[in-house]
Amino acid sequence: MDHPLLPLALFLRVQHRLADRDPQRGDVPGWVLITLMTAGIVTVLWTFAGPRLLEILQDALDSVAP
């Protein structure tokens, strides 16, 4: 199984390489902010809508099964 911090290590390595290429880019590129905001929005929506979505899926599957 993969180590749980592997994605973070890869992210930091990419950040380090991007920072070395062009010092005028700033601390956090726009794609990082967009990724983090998207993950936050999905997490918040899933928290509120997750149970209902699972219920809808289960009802749909139950209606198809004999």
C-alpha atoms as a PDB file:
ATOM      1  CA  MET A   1       0.000   0.000   0.000  1.00  0.00           C
ATOM      2  CA  ASP A   2       1.199   3.543  -0.733  1.00  0.00           C
ATOM      3  CA  HIS A   3       2.431   5.747   2.035  1.00  0.00           C
ATOM      4  CA  PRO A   4      -0.279   8.293   3.003  1.00  0.00           C
ATOM      5  CA  LEU A   5       2.114  11.239   2.659  1.00  0.00           C
ATOM      6  CA  LEU A   6       3.275  10.310  -0.853  1.00  0.00           C
ATOM      7  CA  PRO A   7       0.927  12.781  -2.632  1.00  0.00           C
ATOM      8  CA  LEU A   8       2.131  15.558  -0.327  1.00  0.00           C
ATOM      9  CA  ALA A   9       5.772  14.711  -1.045  1.00  0.00           C
ATOM     10  CA  LEU A  10       5.117  14.776  -4.809  1.00  0.00           C
ATOM     11  CA  PHE A  11       3.271  18.077  -4.489  1.00  0.00           C
ATOM     12  CA  LEU A  12       6.149  19.652  -2.573  1.00  0.00           C
ATOM     13  CA  ARG A  13       8.688  18.394  -5.113  1.00  0.00           C
ATOM     14  CA  VAL A  14       6.714  19.950  -7.990  1.00  0.00           C
ATOM     15  CA  GLN A  15       6.348  23.199  -6.049  1.00  0.00           C
ATOM     16  CA  HIS A  16      10.084  23.311  -5.422  1.00  0.00           C
ATOM     17  CA  ARG A  17      10.909  22.785  -9.095  1.00  0.00           C
ATOM     18  CA  LEU A  18       8.429  25.434 -10.223  1.00  0.00           C
ATOM     19  CA  ALA A  19       9.828  27.939  -7.743  1.00  0.00           C
ATOM     20  CA  ASP A  20      13.370  27.336  -9.051  1.00  0.00           C
ATOM     21  CA  ARG A  21      12.396  27.958 -12.672  1.00  0.00           C
ATOM     22  CA  ASP A  22      10.936  31.440 -12.403  1.00  0.00           C
ATOM     23  CA  PRO A  23      11.266  33.499  -9.211  1.00  0.00           C
ATOM     24  CA  GLN A  24       8.612  35.957 -10.456  1.00  0.00           C
ATOM     25  CA  ARG A  25       5.851  33.354 -10.358  1.00  0.00           C
ATOM     26  CA  GLY A  26       5.003  33.898  -6.703  1.00  0.00           C
ATOM     27  CA  ASP A  27       4.654  31.481  -3.829  1.00  0.00           C
ATOM     28  CA  VAL A  28       1.549  29.582  -4.909  1.00  0.00           C
ATOM     29  CA  PRO A  29       0.664  29.073  -8.577  1.00  0.00           C
ATOM     30  CA  GLY A  30      -2.945  29.514  -9.595  1.00  0.00           C
ATOM     31  CA  TRP A  31      -3.477  25.834 -10.339  1.00  0.00           C
ATOM     32  CA  VAL A  32      -2.680  24.970  -6.730  1.00  0.00           C
ATOM     33  CA  LEU A  33      -5.294  27.417  -5.459  1.00  0.00           C
ATOM     34  CA  ILE A  34      -7.879  26.125  -7.931  1.00  0.00           C
ATOM     35  CA  THR A  35      -7.166  22.520  -6.887  1.00  0.00           C
ATOM     36  CA  LEU A  36      -7.462  23.313  -3.187  1.00  0.00           C
ATOM     37  CA  MET A  37     -10.654  25.339  -3.640  1.00  0.00           C
ATOM     38  CA  THR A  38     -12.218  22.583  -5.756  1.00  0.00           C
ATOM     39  CA  ALA A  39     -11.342  19.959  -3.151  1.00  0.00           C
ATOM     40  CA  GLY A  40     -12.851  22.177  -0.437  1.00  0.00           C
ATOM     41  CA  ILE A  41     -16.077  22.722  -2.363  1.00  0.00           C
ATOM     42  CA  VAL A  42     -16.443  18.999  -3.097  1.00  0.00           C
ATOM     43  CA  THR A  43     -15.828  18.152   0.562  1.00  0.00           C
ATOM     44  CA  VAL A  44     -18.420  20.640   1.796  1.00  0.00           C
ATOM     45  CA  LEU A  45     -21.014  19.539  -0.770  1.00  0.00           C
ATOM     46  CA  TRP A  46     -20.372  15.850  -0.082  1.00  0.00           C
ATOM     47  CA  THR A  47     -20.801  16.455   3.652  1.00  0.00           C
ATOM     48  CA  PHE A  48     -24.307  17.818   3.149  1.00  0.00           C
ATOM     49  CA  ALA A  49     -25.471  15.958   0.032  1.00  0.00           C
ATOM     50  CA  GLY A  50     -23.611  12.645   0.460  1.00  0.00           C
ATOM     51  CA  PRO A  51     -26.234  10.775   2.478  1.00  0.00           C
ATOM     52  CA  ARG A  52     -29.026  11.835   0.110  1.00  0.00           C
ATOM     53  CA  LEU A  53     -26.990  10.909  -2.975  1.00  0.00           C
ATOM     54  CA  LEU A  54     -26.255   7.482  -1.526  1.00  0.00           C
ATOM     55  CA  GLU A  55     -29.950   7.022  -0.748  1.00  0.00           C
ATOM     56  CA  ILE A  56     -30.894   7.936  -4.328  1.00  0.00           C
ATOM     57  CA  LEU A  57     -28.312   5.495  -5.697  1.00  0.00           C
ATOM     58  CA  GLN A  58     -29.505   2.705  -3.399  1.00  0.00           C
ATOM     59  CA  ASP A  59     -33.140   3.291  -4.388  1.00  0.00           C
ATOM     60  CA  ALA A  60     -32.205   3.181  -8.058  1.00  0.00           C
ATOM     61  CA  LEU A  61     -30.258  -0.046  -7.618  1.00  0.00           C
ATOM     62  CA  ASP A  62     -33.051  -1.621  -5.582  1.00  0.00           C
ATOM     63  CA  SER A  63     -35.597  -0.800  -8.287  1.00  0.00           C
ATOM     64  CA  VAL A  64     -33.495  -2.601 -10.916  1.00  0.00           C
ATOM     65  CA  ALA A  65     -32.719  -5.733  -8.872  1.00  0.00           C
ATOM     66  CA  PRO A  66     -35.305  -8.552  -9.048  1.00  0.00           C
END
